[in-house]
Amino acid sequence: MQRSSATPISRRACRSGRHEQCLVWVQAAFGEELVFRGFLLTRLELLLGGGVGAALTAVVSQALLFGVGHWYLGARGVTTAGIIGVILGVAYLCDGRNLVPLIGAHGPADSLSLIAIYARIARVT
């Protein structure tokens, strides 16, 4: 019996997709939350002297850097990432500086974005 040539390609694509999905969760979800919210937001707040004003300035500053870090997504992607950075920064402060829910939200969001890119629903500019 002759095998279809589609089967090995599908298997390779699945393996590649799982690998990329793992990278998304480890690097983007865990790594970005640890760096931008866990480290940068906290350090900026301390550098600015603490208090509500320092916390708000730190949230906006880390969100701007988070947005610029997504430059490869174009202007819309930078803006969207910046807004998400503000939301995640505020959530971080309001939830007692707990990164677990942020990682839990970030991972699926990036996973959906990756699926949309592969399905050609979205594009990287």
PDB file of N, CA and C in Angstrom:
ATOM      1  N   MET A   1       0.832  -1.161   0.000  1.00  0.00           N
ATOM      2  CA  MET A   1       0.000   0.000   0.000  1.00  0.00           C
ATOM      3  C   MET A   1       0.892   1.244   0.000  1.00  0.00           C
ATOM      4  N   GLN A   2       0.555   2.206  -0.816  1.00  0.00           N
ATOM      5  CA  GLN A   2       1.351   3.410  -0.951  1.00  0.00           C
ATOM      6  C   GLN A   2       0.812   4.492  -0.014  1.00  0.00           C
ATOM      7  N   ARG A   3       1.719   5.158   0.690  1.00  0.00           N
ATOM      8  CA  ARG A   3       1.326   6.214   1.609  1.00  0.00           C
ATOM      9  C   ARG A   3       1.198   7.535   0.880  1.00  0.00           C
ATOM     10  N   SER A   4       0.312   8.340   1.382  1.00  0.00           N
ATOM     11  CA  SER A   4       0.146   9.686   0.851  1.00  0.00           C
ATOM     12  C   SER A   4       1.321  10.546   1.304  1.00  0.00           C
ATOM     13  N   SER A   5       1.759  11.429   0.462  1.00  0.00           N
ATOM     14  CA  SER A   5       2.867  12.305   0.837  1.00  0.00           C
ATOM     15  C   SER A   5       2.415  13.384   1.812  1.00  0.00           C
ATOM     16  N   ALA A   6       1.107  13.552   2.006  1.00  0.00           N
ATOM     17  CA  ALA A   6       0.608  14.572   2.921  1.00  0.00           C
ATOM     18  C   ALA A   6       0.849  14.203   4.381  1.00  0.00           C
ATOM     19  N   THR A   7       0.876  12.917   4.681  1.00  0.00           N
ATOM     20  CA  THR A   7       1.026  12.492   6.069  1.00  0.00           C
ATOM     21  C   THR A   7       2.337  12.968   6.684  1.00  0.00           C
ATOM     22  N   PRO A   8       3.516  12.750   6.063  1.00  0.00           N
ATOM     23  CA  PRO A   8       4.749  13.229   6.685  1.00  0.00           C
ATOM     24  C   PRO A   8       4.773  14.751   6.818  1.00  0.00           C
ATOM     25  N   ILE A   9       4.233  15.460   5.855  1.00  0.00           N
ATOM     26  CA  ILE A   9       4.217  16.920   5.932  1.00  0.00           C
ATOM     27  C   ILE A   9       3.357  17.360   7.106  1.00  0.00           C
ATOM     28  N   SER A  10       2.191  16.731   7.268  1.00  0.00           N
ATOM     29  CA  SER A  10       1.311  17.076   8.372  1.00  0.00           C
ATOM     30  C   SER A  10       1.988  16.803   9.712  1.00  0.00           C
ATOM     31  N   ARG A  11       2.681  15.678   9.807  1.00  0.00           N
ATOM     32  CA  ARG A  11       3.372  15.361  11.051  1.00  0.00           C
ATOM     33  C   ARG A  11       4.460  16.383  11.352  1.00  0.00           C
ATOM     34  N   ARG A  12       5.212  16.760  10.312  1.00  0.00           N
ATOM     35  CA  ARG A  12       6.256  17.761  10.528  1.00  0.00           C
ATOM     36  C   ARG A  12       5.654  19.087  10.948  1.00  0.00           C
ATOM     37  N   ALA A  13       4.558  19.474  10.340  1.00  0.00           N
ATOM     38  CA  ALA A  13       3.912  20.739  10.687  1.00  0.00           C
ATOM     39  C   ALA A  13       3.421  20.710  12.131  1.00  0.00           C
ATOM     40  N   CYS A  14       2.862  19.576  12.552  1.00  0.00           N
ATOM     41  CA  CYS A  14       2.387  19.449  13.930  1.00  0.00           C
ATOM     42  C   CYS A  14       3.542  19.556  14.912  1.00  0.00           C
ATOM     43  N   ARG A  15       4.620  18.848  14.610  1.00  0.00           N
ATOM     44  CA  ARG A  15       5.778  18.923  15.499  1.00  0.00           C
ATOM     45  C   ARG A  15       6.290  20.349  15.581  1.00  0.00           C
ATOM     46  N   SER A  16       6.385  21.015  14.444  1.00  0.00           N
ATOM     47  CA  SER A  16       6.865  22.390  14.416  1.00  0.00           C
ATOM     48  C   SER A  16       5.915  23.295  15.187  1.00  0.00           C
ATOM     49  N   GLY A  17       4.624  23.094  15.021  1.00  0.00           N
ATOM     50  CA  GLY A  17       3.640  23.906  15.724  1.00  0.00           C
ATOM     51  C   GLY A  17       3.734  23.742  17.229  1.00  0.00           C
ATOM     52  N   ARG A  18       3.926  22.511  17.693  1.00  0.00           N
ATOM     53  CA  ARG A  18       4.062  22.281  19.131  1.00  0.00           C
ATOM     54  C   ARG A  18       5.319  22.950  19.666  1.00  0.00           C
ATOM     55  N   HIS A  19       6.398  22.872  18.890  1.00  0.00           N
ATOM     56  CA  HIS A  19       7.654  23.497  19.308  1.00  0.00           C
ATOM     57  C   HIS A  19       7.473  25.008  19.413  1.00  0.00           C
ATOM     58  N   GLU A  20       6.877  25.594  18.404  1.00  0.00           N
ATOM     59  CA  GLU A  20       6.666  27.042  18.423  1.00  0.00           C
ATOM     60  C   GLU A  20       5.703  27.437  19.530  1.00  0.00           C
ATOM     61  N   GLN A  21       4.695  26.617  19.764  1.00  0.00           N
ATOM     62  CA  GLN A  21       3.741  26.889  20.826  1.00  0.00           C
ATOM     63  C   GLN A  21       4.442  26.872  22.188  1.00  0.00           C
ATOM     64  N   CYS A  22       5.356  25.940  22.362  1.00  0.00           N
ATOM     65  CA  CYS A  22       6.123  25.861  23.602  1.00  0.00           C
ATOM     66  C   CYS A  22       6.979  27.120  23.764  1.00  0.00           C
ATOM     67  N   LEU A  23       7.614  27.569  22.692  1.00  0.00           N
ATOM     68  CA  LEU A  23       8.408  28.794  22.747  1.00  0.00           C
ATOM     69  C   LEU A  23       7.549  29.995  23.096  1.00  0.00           C
ATOM     70  N   VAL A  24       6.343  30.047  22.543  1.00  0.00           N
ATOM     71  CA  VAL A  24       5.434  31.160  22.838  1.00  0.00           C
ATOM     72  C   VAL A  24       5.148  31.212  24.338  1.00  0.00           C
ATOM     73  N   TRP A  25       4.837  30.064  24.914  1.00  0.00           N
ATOM     74  CA  TRP A  25       4.492  30.040  26.334  1.00  0.00           C
ATOM     75  C   TRP A  25       5.694  30.338  27.214  1.00  0.00           C
ATOM     76  N   VAL A  26       6.851  29.793  26.889  1.00  0.00           N
ATOM     77  CA  VAL A  26       8.014  29.985  27.755  1.00  0.00           C
ATOM     78  C   VAL A  26       8.596  31.382  27.570  1.00  0.00           C
ATOM     79  N   GLN A  27       8.858  31.750  26.335  1.00  0.00           N
ATOM     80  CA  GLN A  27       9.513  33.024  26.092  1.00  0.00           C
ATOM     81  C   GLN A  27       8.569  34.196  26.238  1.00  0.00           C
ATOM     82  N   ALA A  28       7.447  34.155  25.571  1.00  0.00           N
ATOM     83  CA  ALA A  28       6.561  35.303  25.590  1.00  0.00           C
ATOM     84  C   ALA A  28       5.763  35.384  26.879  1.00  0.00           C
ATOM     85  N   ALA A  29       5.010  34.367  27.191  1.00  0.00           N
ATOM     86  CA  ALA A  29       4.135  34.441  28.357  1.00  0.00           C
ATOM     87  C   ALA A  29       4.940  34.571  29.655  1.00  0.00           C
ATOM     88  N   PHE A  30       5.814  33.632  29.911  1.00  0.00           N
ATOM     89  CA  PHE A  30       6.588  33.658  31.149  1.00  0.00           C
ATOM     90  C   PHE A  30       7.655  34.750  31.112  1.00  0.00           C
ATOM     91  N   GLY A  31       8.438  34.767  30.040  1.00  0.00           N
ATOM     92  CA  GLY A  31       9.564  35.697  29.940  1.00  0.00           C
ATOM     93  C   GLY A  31       9.150  37.155  29.939  1.00  0.00           C
ATOM     94  N   GLU A  32       8.174  37.505  29.111  1.00  0.00           N
ATOM     95  CA  GLU A  32       7.758  38.907  29.040  1.00  0.00           C
ATOM     96  C   GLU A  32       7.101  39.361  30.339  1.00  0.00           C
ATOM     97  N   GLU A  33       6.305  38.517  30.945  1.00  0.00           N
ATOM     98  CA  GLU A  33       5.678  38.911  32.217  1.00  0.00           C
ATOM     99  C   GLU A  33       6.729  39.080  33.304  1.00  0.00           C
ATOM    100  N   LEU A  34       7.683  38.181  33.336  1.00  0.00           N
ATOM    101  CA  LEU A  34       8.746  38.283  34.330  1.00  0.00           C
ATOM    102  C   LEU A  34       9.566  39.559  34.134  1.00  0.00           C
ATOM    103  N   VAL A  35       9.925  39.854  32.895  1.00  0.00           N
ATOM    104  CA  VAL A  35      10.760  41.027  32.610  1.00  0.00           C
ATOM    105  C   VAL A  35       9.981  42.325  32.753  1.00  0.00           C
ATOM    106  N   PHE A  36       8.846  42.437  32.050  1.00  0.00           N
ATOM    107  CA  PHE A  36       8.150  43.727  32.001  1.00  0.00           C
ATOM    108  C   PHE A  36       7.375  44.038  33.269  1.00  0.00           C
ATOM    109  N   ARG A  37       6.608  43.101  33.785  1.00  0.00           N
ATOM    110  CA  ARG A  37       5.827  43.369  34.986  1.00  0.00           C
ATOM    111  C   ARG A  37       6.624  43.033  36.243  1.00  0.00           C
ATOM    112  N   GLY A  38       7.175  41.837  36.312  1.00  0.00           N
ATOM    113  CA  GLY A  38       7.867  41.399  37.518  1.00  0.00           C
ATOM    114  C   GLY A  38       9.120  42.188  37.836  1.00  0.00           C
ATOM    115  N   PHE A  39       9.896  42.536  36.831  1.00  0.00           N
ATOM    116  CA  PHE A  39      11.156  43.245  37.082  1.00  0.00           C
ATOM    117  C   PHE A  39      11.044  44.736  36.781  1.00  0.00           C
ATOM    118  N   LEU A  40      10.744  45.084  35.535  1.00  0.00           N
ATOM    119  CA  LEU A  40      10.811  46.476  35.101  1.00  0.00           C
ATOM    120  C   LEU A  40       9.821  47.366  35.841  1.00  0.00           C
ATOM    121  N   LEU A  41       8.581  46.948  35.939  1.00  0.00           N
ATOM    122  CA  LEU A  41       7.579  47.766  36.619  1.00  0.00           C
ATOM    123  C   LEU A  41       7.982  48.007  38.072  1.00  0.00           C
ATOM    124  N   THR A  42       8.411  46.965  38.735  1.00  0.00           N
ATOM    125  CA  THR A  42       8.809  47.072  40.139  1.00  0.00           C
ATOM    126  C   THR A  42      10.017  47.990  40.300  1.00  0.00           C
ATOM    127  N   ARG A  43      11.016  47.826  39.450  1.00  0.00           N
ATOM    128  CA  ARG A  43      12.234  48.645  39.556  1.00  0.00           C
ATOM    129  C   ARG A  43      11.954  50.106  39.217  1.00  0.00           C
ATOM    130  N   LEU A  44      11.143  50.350  38.208  1.00  0.00           N
ATOM    131  CA  LEU A  44      10.784  51.733  37.872  1.00  0.00           C
ATOM    132  C   LEU A  44      10.038  52.397  39.017  1.00  0.00           C
ATOM    133  N   GLU A  45       9.137  51.658  39.623  1.00  0.00           N
ATOM    134  CA  GLU A  45       8.382  52.195  40.759  1.00  0.00           C
ATOM    135  C   GLU A  45       9.319  52.566  41.908  1.00  0.00           C
ATOM    136  N   LEU A  46      10.276  51.706  42.211  1.00  0.00           N
ATOM    137  CA  LEU A  46      11.248  52.001  43.265  1.00  0.00           C
ATOM    138  C   LEU A  46      12.124  53.197  42.888  1.00  0.00           C
ATOM    139  N   LEU A  47      12.551  53.235  41.634  1.00  0.00           N
ATOM    140  CA  LEU A  47      13.383  54.333  41.154  1.00  0.00           C
ATOM    141  C   LEU A  47      12.658  55.672  41.248  1.00  0.00           C
ATOM    142  N   LEU A  48      11.343  55.641  41.040  1.00  0.00           N
ATOM    143  CA  LEU A  48      10.540  56.866  41.072  1.00  0.00           C
ATOM    144  C   LEU A  48      10.072  57.228  42.485  1.00  0.00           C
ATOM    145  N   GLY A  49      10.477  56.460  43.476  1.00  0.00           N
ATOM    146  CA  GLY A  49      10.208  56.823  44.861  1.00  0.00           C
ATOM    147  C   GLY A  49       9.014  56.168  45.506  1.00  0.00           C
ATOM    148  N   GLY A  50       8.324  55.292  44.822  1.00  0.00           N
ATOM    149  CA  GLY A  50       7.166  54.616  45.406  1.00  0.00           C
ATOM    150  C   GLY A  50       5.936  55.505  45.412  1.00  0.00           C
ATOM    151  N   GLY A  51       4.838  54.983  45.880  1.00  0.00           N
ATOM    152  CA  GLY A  51       3.593  55.738  45.925  1.00  0.00           C
ATOM    153  C   GLY A  51       2.750  55.507  44.687  1.00  0.00           C
ATOM    154  N   VAL A  52       1.552  56.075  44.711  1.00  0.00           N
ATOM    155  CA  VAL A  52       0.594  55.871  43.621  1.00  0.00           C
ATOM    156  C   VAL A  52       1.087  56.495  42.318  1.00  0.00           C
ATOM    157  N   GLY A  53       1.622  57.702  42.386  1.00  0.00           N
ATOM    158  CA  GLY A  53       2.128  58.369  41.177  1.00  0.00           C
ATOM    159  C   GLY A  53       3.263  57.587  40.532  1.00  0.00           C
ATOM    160  N   ALA A  54       4.158  57.087  41.356  1.00  0.00           N
ATOM    161  CA  ALA A  54       5.279  56.291  40.848  1.00  0.00           C
ATOM    162  C   ALA A  54       4.774  54.995  40.227  1.00  0.00           C
ATOM    163  N   ALA A  55       3.767  54.384  40.858  1.00  0.00           N
ATOM    164  CA  ALA A  55       3.212  53.138  40.332  1.00  0.00           C
ATOM    165  C   ALA A  55       2.558  53.375  38.971  1.00  0.00           C
ATOM    166  N   LEU A  56       1.774  54.444  38.846  1.00  0.00           N
ATOM    167  CA  LEU A  56       1.118  54.745  37.567  1.00  0.00           C
ATOM    168  C   LEU A  56       2.135  55.074  36.479  1.00  0.00           C
ATOM    169  N   THR A  57       3.151  55.850  36.831  1.00  0.00           N
ATOM    170  CA  THR A  57       4.207  56.179  35.864  1.00  0.00           C
ATOM    171  C   THR A  57       4.955  54.916  35.444  1.00  0.00           C
ATOM    172  N   ALA A  58       5.226  54.034  36.388  1.00  0.00           N
ATOM    173  CA  ALA A  58       5.906  52.770  36.090  1.00  0.00           C
ATOM    174  C   ALA A  58       5.050  51.894  35.184  1.00  0.00           C
ATOM    175  N   VAL A  59       3.736  51.859  35.427  1.00  0.00           N
ATOM    176  CA  VAL A  59       2.830  51.067  34.582  1.00  0.00           C
ATOM    177  C   VAL A  59       2.866  51.585  33.147  1.00  0.00           C
ATOM    178  N   VAL A  60       2.747  52.885  32.986  1.00  0.00           N
ATOM    179  CA  VAL A  60       2.745  53.465  31.639  1.00  0.00           C
ATOM    180  C   VAL A  60       4.097  53.283  30.963  1.00  0.00           C
ATOM    181  N   SER A  61       5.180  53.480  31.710  1.00  0.00           N
ATOM    182  CA  SER A  61       6.526  53.344  31.136  1.00  0.00           C
ATOM    183  C   SER A  61       6.812  51.925  30.663  1.00  0.00           C
ATOM    184  N   GLN A  62       6.499  50.930  31.503  1.00  0.00           N
ATOM    185  CA  GLN A  62       6.751  49.545  31.099  1.00  0.00           C
ATOM    186  C   GLN A  62       5.842  49.158  29.936  1.00  0.00           C
ATOM    187  N   ALA A  63       4.633  49.722  29.892  1.00  0.00           N
ATOM    188  CA  ALA A  63       3.718  49.427  28.784  1.00  0.00           C
ATOM    189  C   ALA A  63       4.231  50.022  27.472  1.00  0.00           C
ATOM    190  N   LEU A  64       4.801  51.214  27.533  1.00  0.00           N
ATOM    191  CA  LEU A  64       5.395  51.812  26.328  1.00  0.00           C
ATOM    192  C   LEU A  64       6.550  50.953  25.814  1.00  0.00           C
ATOM    193  N   LEU A  65       7.408  50.517  26.706  1.00  0.00           N
ATOM    194  CA  LEU A  65       8.523  49.654  26.305  1.00  0.00           C
ATOM    195  C   LEU A  65       8.019  48.304  25.789  1.00  0.00           C
ATOM    196  N   PHE A  66       6.985  47.773  26.428  1.00  0.00           N
ATOM    197  CA  PHE A  66       6.375  46.518  25.982  1.00  0.00           C
ATOM    198  C   PHE A  66       5.812  46.691  24.571  1.00  0.00           C
ATOM    199  N   GLY A  67       5.141  47.797  24.332  1.00  0.00           N
ATOM    200  CA  GLY A  67       4.604  48.072  22.998  1.00  0.00           C
ATOM    201  C   GLY A  67       5.703  48.191  21.951  1.00  0.00           C
ATOM    202  N   VAL A  68       6.735  48.957  22.248  1.00  0.00           N
ATOM    203  CA  VAL A  68       7.852  49.139  21.310  1.00  0.00           C
ATOM    204  C   VAL A  68       8.561  47.813  21.051  1.00  0.00           C
ATOM    205  N   GLY A  69       8.565  46.933  22.031  1.00  0.00           N
ATOM    206  CA  GLY A  69       9.169  45.611  21.862  1.00  0.00           C
ATOM    207  C   GLY A  69       8.429  44.753  20.848  1.00  0.00           C
ATOM    208  N   HIS A  70       7.233  45.179  20.475  1.00  0.00           N
ATOM    209  CA  HIS A  70       6.437  44.464  19.479  1.00  0.00           C
ATOM    210  C   HIS A  70       6.392  45.238  18.157  1.00  0.00           C
ATOM    211  N   TRP A  71       7.464  45.954  17.843  1.00  0.00           N
ATOM    212  CA  TRP A  71       7.550  46.774  16.626  1.00  0.00           C
ATOM    213  C   TRP A  71       7.327  45.963  15.362  1.00  0.00           C
ATOM    214  N   TYR A  72       7.709  44.698  15.380  1.00  0.00           N
ATOM    215  CA  TYR A  72       7.575  43.845  14.205  1.00  0.00           C
ATOM    216  C   TYR A  72       6.114  43.614  13.814  1.00  0.00           C
ATOM    217  N   LEU A  73       5.184  43.984  14.701  1.00  0.00           N
ATOM    218  CA  LEU A  73       3.761  43.845  14.397  1.00  0.00           C
ATOM    219  C   LEU A  73       3.186  45.090  13.736  1.00  0.00           C
ATOM    220  N   GLY A  74       4.015  46.103  13.515  1.00  0.00           N
ATOM    221  CA  GLY A  74       3.549  47.331  12.895  1.00  0.00           C
ATOM    222  C   GLY A  74       2.923  48.270  13.919  1.00  0.00           C
ATOM    223  N   ALA A  75       2.447  49.411  13.436  1.00  0.00           N
ATOM    224  CA  ALA A  75       1.901  50.442  14.322  1.00  0.00           C
ATOM    225  C   ALA A  75       0.706  49.935  15.127  1.00  0.00           C
ATOM    226  N   ARG A  76      -0.169  49.213  14.484  1.00  0.00           N
ATOM    227  CA  ARG A  76      -1.344  48.685  15.190  1.00  0.00           C
ATOM    228  C   ARG A  76      -0.922  47.699  16.283  1.00  0.00           C
ATOM    229  N   GLY A  77       0.048  46.850  15.981  1.00  0.00           N
ATOM    230  CA  GLY A  77       0.529  45.883  16.960  1.00  0.00           C
ATOM    231  C   GLY A  77       1.221  46.535  18.140  1.00  0.00           C
ATOM    232  N   VAL A  78       2.001  47.599  17.867  1.00  0.00           N
ATOM    233  CA  VAL A  78       2.677  48.329  18.946  1.00  0.00           C
ATOM    234  C   VAL A  78       1.638  48.976  19.861  1.00  0.00           C
ATOM    235  N   THR A  79       0.625  49.583  19.249  1.00  0.00           N
ATOM    236  CA  THR A  79      -0.434  50.226  20.026  1.00  0.00           C
ATOM    237  C   THR A  79      -1.200  49.197  20.856  1.00  0.00           C
ATOM    238  N   THR A  80      -1.570  48.104  20.218  1.00  0.00           N
ATOM    239  CA  THR A  80      -2.305  47.045  20.924  1.00  0.00           C
ATOM    240  C   THR A  80      -1.476  46.479  22.068  1.00  0.00           C
ATOM    241  N   ALA A  81      -0.209  46.195  21.808  1.00  0.00           N
ATOM    242  CA  ALA A  81       0.663  45.649  22.854  1.00  0.00           C
ATOM    243  C   ALA A  81       0.831  46.661  23.990  1.00  0.00           C
ATOM    244  N   GLY A  82       0.925  47.934  23.664  1.00  0.00           N
ATOM    245  CA  GLY A  82       1.036  48.966  24.698  1.00  0.00           C
ATOM    246  C   GLY A  82      -0.194  49.018  25.584  1.00  0.00           C
ATOM    247  N   ILE A  83      -1.362  48.945  24.970  1.00  0.00           N
ATOM    248  CA  ILE A  83      -2.619  48.948  25.740  1.00  0.00           C
ATOM    249  C   ILE A  83      -2.701  47.705  26.615  1.00  0.00           C
ATOM    250  N   ILE A  84      -2.344  46.562  26.047  1.00  0.00           N
ATOM    251  CA  ILE A  84      -2.339  45.318  26.825  1.00  0.00           C
ATOM    252  C   ILE A  84      -1.324  45.424  27.967  1.00  0.00           C
ATOM    253  N   GLY A  85      -0.195  46.074  27.712  1.00  0.00           N
ATOM    254  CA  GLY A  85       0.801  46.277  28.761  1.00  0.00           C
ATOM    255  C   GLY A  85       0.262  47.091  29.927  1.00  0.00           C
ATOM    256  N   VAL A  86      -0.549  48.120  29.620  1.00  0.00           N
ATOM    257  CA  VAL A  86      -1.174  48.909  30.690  1.00  0.00           C
ATOM    258  C   VAL A  86      -2.138  48.032  31.492  1.00  0.00           C
ATOM    259  N   ILE A  87      -2.975  47.281  30.777  1.00  0.00           N
ATOM    260  CA  ILE A  87      -3.959  46.416  31.447  1.00  0.00           C
ATOM    261  C   ILE A  87      -3.255  45.396  32.341  1.00  0.00           C
ATOM    262  N   LEU A  88      -2.220  44.743  31.802  1.00  0.00           N
ATOM    263  CA  LEU A  88      -1.501  43.738  32.584  1.00  0.00           C
ATOM    264  C   LEU A  88      -0.741  44.370  33.747  1.00  0.00           C
ATOM    265  N   GLY A  89      -0.203  45.569  33.537  1.00  0.00           N
ATOM    266  CA  GLY A  89       0.495  46.269  34.614  1.00  0.00           C
ATOM    267  C   GLY A  89      -0.437  46.626  35.758  1.00  0.00           C
ATOM    268  N   VAL A  90      -1.614  47.135  35.431  1.00  0.00           N
ATOM    269  CA  VAL A  90      -2.599  47.464  36.469  1.00  0.00           C
ATOM    270  C   VAL A  90      -3.059  46.186  37.174  1.00  0.00           C
ATOM    271  N   ALA A  91      -3.303  45.134  36.397  1.00  0.00           N
ATOM    272  CA  ALA A  91      -3.721  43.853  36.992  1.00  0.00           C
ATOM    273  C   ALA A  91      -2.641  43.331  37.942  1.00  0.00           C
ATOM    274  N   TYR A  92      -1.394  43.489  37.564  1.00  0.00           N
ATOM    275  CA  TYR A  92      -0.277  43.049  38.401  1.00  0.00           C
ATOM    276  C   TYR A  92      -0.296  43.762  39.749  1.00  0.00           C
ATOM    277  N   LEU A  93      -0.493  45.069  39.710  1.00  0.00           N
ATOM    278  CA  LEU A  93      -0.514  45.833  40.954  1.00  0.00           C
ATOM    279  C   LEU A  93      -1.760  45.529  41.780  1.00  0.00           C
ATOM    280  N   CYS A  94      -2.897  45.408  41.127  1.00  0.00           N
ATOM    281  CA  CYS A  94      -4.161  45.165  41.844  1.00  0.00           C
ATOM    282  C   CYS A  94      -4.261  43.763  42.424  1.00  0.00           C
ATOM    283  N   ASP A  95      -3.526  42.828  41.863  1.00  0.00           N
ATOM    284  CA  ASP A  95      -3.601  41.434  42.324  1.00  0.00           C
ATOM    285  C   ASP A  95      -2.440  41.082  43.257  1.00  0.00           C
ATOM    286  N   GLY A  96      -1.889  42.080  43.913  1.00  0.00           N
ATOM    287  CA  GLY A  96      -0.825  41.810  44.877  1.00  0.00           C
ATOM    288  C   GLY A  96       0.481  41.385  44.251  1.00  0.00           C
ATOM    289  N   ARG A  97       0.742  41.871  43.031  1.00  0.00           N
ATOM    290  CA  ARG A  97       2.005  41.585  42.313  1.00  0.00           C
ATOM    291  C   ARG A  97       2.183  40.093  42.041  1.00  0.00           C
ATOM    292  N   ASN A  98       1.110  39.471  41.645  1.00  0.00           N
ATOM    293  CA  ASN A  98       1.108  38.040  41.332  1.00  0.00           C
ATOM    294  C   ASN A  98       1.218  37.868  39.818  1.00  0.00           C
ATOM    295  N   LEU A  99       2.279  37.238  39.350  1.00  0.00           N
ATOM    296  CA  LEU A  99       2.495  37.049  37.912  1.00  0.00           C
ATOM    297  C   LEU A  99       1.732  35.861  37.326  1.00  0.00           C
ATOM    298  N   VAL A 100       1.315  34.927  38.156  1.00  0.00           N
ATOM    299  CA  VAL A 100       0.690  33.703  37.652  1.00  0.00           C
ATOM    300  C   VAL A 100      -0.542  33.981  36.780  1.00  0.00           C
ATOM    301  N   PRO A 101      -1.492  34.827  37.219  1.00  0.00           N
ATOM    302  CA  PRO A 101      -2.646  35.080  36.350  1.00  0.00           C
ATOM    303  C   PRO A 101      -2.263  35.796  35.053  1.00  0.00           C
ATOM    304  N   LEU A 102      -1.228  36.628  35.118  1.00  0.00           N
ATOM    305  CA  LEU A 102      -0.794  37.343  33.914  1.00  0.00           C
ATOM    306  C   LEU A 102      -0.197  36.378  32.892  1.00  0.00           C
ATOM    307  N   ILE A 103       0.601  35.453  33.384  1.00  0.00           N
ATOM    308  CA  ILE A 103       1.173  34.430  32.501  1.00  0.00           C
ATOM    309  C   ILE A 103       0.047  33.578  31.934  1.00  0.00           C
ATOM    310  N   GLY A 104      -0.923  33.261  32.782  1.00  0.00           N
ATOM    311  CA  GLY A 104      -2.074  32.486  32.345  1.00  0.00           C
ATOM    312  C   GLY A 104      -2.908  33.194  31.291  1.00  0.00           C
ATOM    313  N   ALA A 105      -2.941  34.501  31.310  1.00  0.00           N
ATOM    314  CA  ALA A 105      -3.672  35.268  30.297  1.00  0.00           C
ATOM    315  C   ALA A 105      -2.820  35.499  29.049  1.00  0.00           C
ATOM    316  N   HIS A 106      -1.548  35.749  29.251  1.00  0.00           N
ATOM    317  CA  HIS A 106      -0.638  36.071  28.157  1.00  0.00           C
ATOM    318  C   HIS A 106      -0.420  34.880  27.222  1.00  0.00           C
ATOM    319  N   GLY A 107      -0.251  33.707  27.808  1.00  0.00           N
ATOM    320  CA  GLY A 107       0.012  32.506  27.006  1.00  0.00           C
ATOM    321  C   GLY A 107      -1.089  32.204  25.997  1.00  0.00           C
ATOM    322  N   PRO A 108      -2.339  32.082  26.434  1.00  0.00           N
ATOM    323  CA  PRO A 108      -3.420  31.809  25.473  1.00  0.00           C
ATOM    324  C   PRO A 108      -3.607  32.928  24.448  1.00  0.00           C
ATOM    325  N   ALA A 109      -3.405  34.172  24.866  1.00  0.00           N
ATOM    326  CA  ALA A 109      -3.540  35.283  23.921  1.00  0.00           C
ATOM    327  C   ALA A 109      -2.499  35.174  22.804  1.00  0.00           C
ATOM    328  N   ASP A 110      -1.265  34.879  23.180  1.00  0.00           N
ATOM    329  CA  ASP A 110      -0.220  34.703  22.166  1.00  0.00           C
ATOM    330  C   ASP A 110      -0.464  33.455  21.327  1.00  0.00           C
ATOM    331  N   SER A 111      -0.994  32.415  21.947  1.00  0.00           N
ATOM    332  CA  SER A 111      -1.310  31.190  21.203  1.00  0.00           C
ATOM    333  C   SER A 111      -2.349  31.464  20.131  1.00  0.00           C
ATOM    334  N   LEU A 112      -3.388  32.209  20.497  1.00  0.00           N
ATOM    335  CA  LEU A 112      -4.420  32.567  19.513  1.00  0.00           C
ATOM    336  C   LEU A 112      -3.842  33.433  18.395  1.00  0.00           C
ATOM    337  N   SER A 113      -2.948  34.332  18.756  1.00  0.00           N
ATOM    338  CA  SER A 113      -2.295  35.164  17.735  1.00  0.00           C
ATOM    339  C   SER A 113      -1.473  34.313  16.778  1.00  0.00           C
ATOM    340  N   LEU A 114      -0.736  33.346  17.319  1.00  0.00           N
ATOM    341  CA  LEU A 114       0.075  32.459  16.483  1.00  0.00           C
ATOM    342  C   LEU A 114      -0.807  31.635  15.553  1.00  0.00           C
ATOM    343  N   ILE A 115      -1.915  31.145  16.072  1.00  0.00           N
ATOM    344  CA  ILE A 115      -2.861  30.389  15.242  1.00  0.00           C
ATOM    345  C   ILE A 115      -3.417  31.272  14.140  1.00  0.00           C
ATOM    346  N   ALA A 116      -3.767  32.515  14.467  1.00  0.00           N
ATOM    347  CA  ALA A 116      -4.303  33.442  13.469  1.00  0.00           C
ATOM    348  C   ALA A 116      -3.280  33.745  12.379  1.00  0.00           C
ATOM    349  N   ILE A 117      -2.012  33.855  12.756  1.00  0.00           N
ATOM    350  CA  ILE A 117      -0.964  34.115  11.764  1.00  0.00           C
ATOM    351  C   ILE A 117      -0.818  32.917  10.831  1.00  0.00           C
ATOM    352  N   TYR A 118      -0.779  31.702  11.396  1.00  0.00           N
ATOM    353  CA  TYR A 118      -0.650  30.500  10.571  1.00  0.00           C
ATOM    354  C   TYR A 118      -1.879  30.250   9.711  1.00  0.00           C
ATOM    355  N   ALA A 119      -3.048  30.641  10.204  1.00  0.00           N
ATOM    356  CA  ALA A 119      -4.283  30.463   9.433  1.00  0.00           C
ATOM    357  C   ALA A 119      -4.495  31.612   8.436  1.00  0.00           C
ATOM    358  N   ARG A 120      -3.558  32.560   8.438  1.00  0.00           N
ATOM    359  CA  ARG A 120      -3.593  33.728   7.558  1.00  0.00           C
ATOM    360  C   ARG A 120      -4.801  34.629   7.823  1.00  0.00           C
ATOM    361  N   ILE A 121      -5.253  34.608   9.056  1.00  0.00           N
ATOM    362  CA  ILE A 121      -6.304  35.530   9.489  1.00  0.00           C
ATOM    363  C   ILE A 121      -5.653  36.852   9.875  1.00  0.00           C
ATOM    364  N   ALA A 122      -4.463  36.779  10.449  1.00  0.00           N
ATOM    365  CA  ALA A 122      -3.683  37.941  10.833  1.00  0.00           C
ATOM    366  C   ALA A 122      -2.350  37.850  10.125  1.00  0.00           C
ATOM    367  N   ARG A 123      -1.627  38.972  10.126  1.00  0.00           N
ATOM    368  CA  ARG A 123      -0.302  38.948   9.490  1.00  0.00           C
ATOM    369  C   ARG A 123       0.681  39.760  10.295  1.00  0.00           C
ATOM    370  N   VAL A 124       1.933  39.406  10.162  1.00  0.00           N
ATOM    371  CA  VAL A 124       3.022  40.147  10.772  1.00  0.00           C
ATOM    372  C   VAL A 124       3.539  41.096   9.719  1.00  0.00           C
ATOM    373  N   THR A 125       3.643  42.375  10.063  1.00  0.00           N
ATOM    374  CA  THR A 125       4.098  43.352   9.067  1.00  0.00           C
ATOM    375  C   THR A 125       5.571  43.598   9.159  1.00  0.00           C
TER     376      THR A 125
END
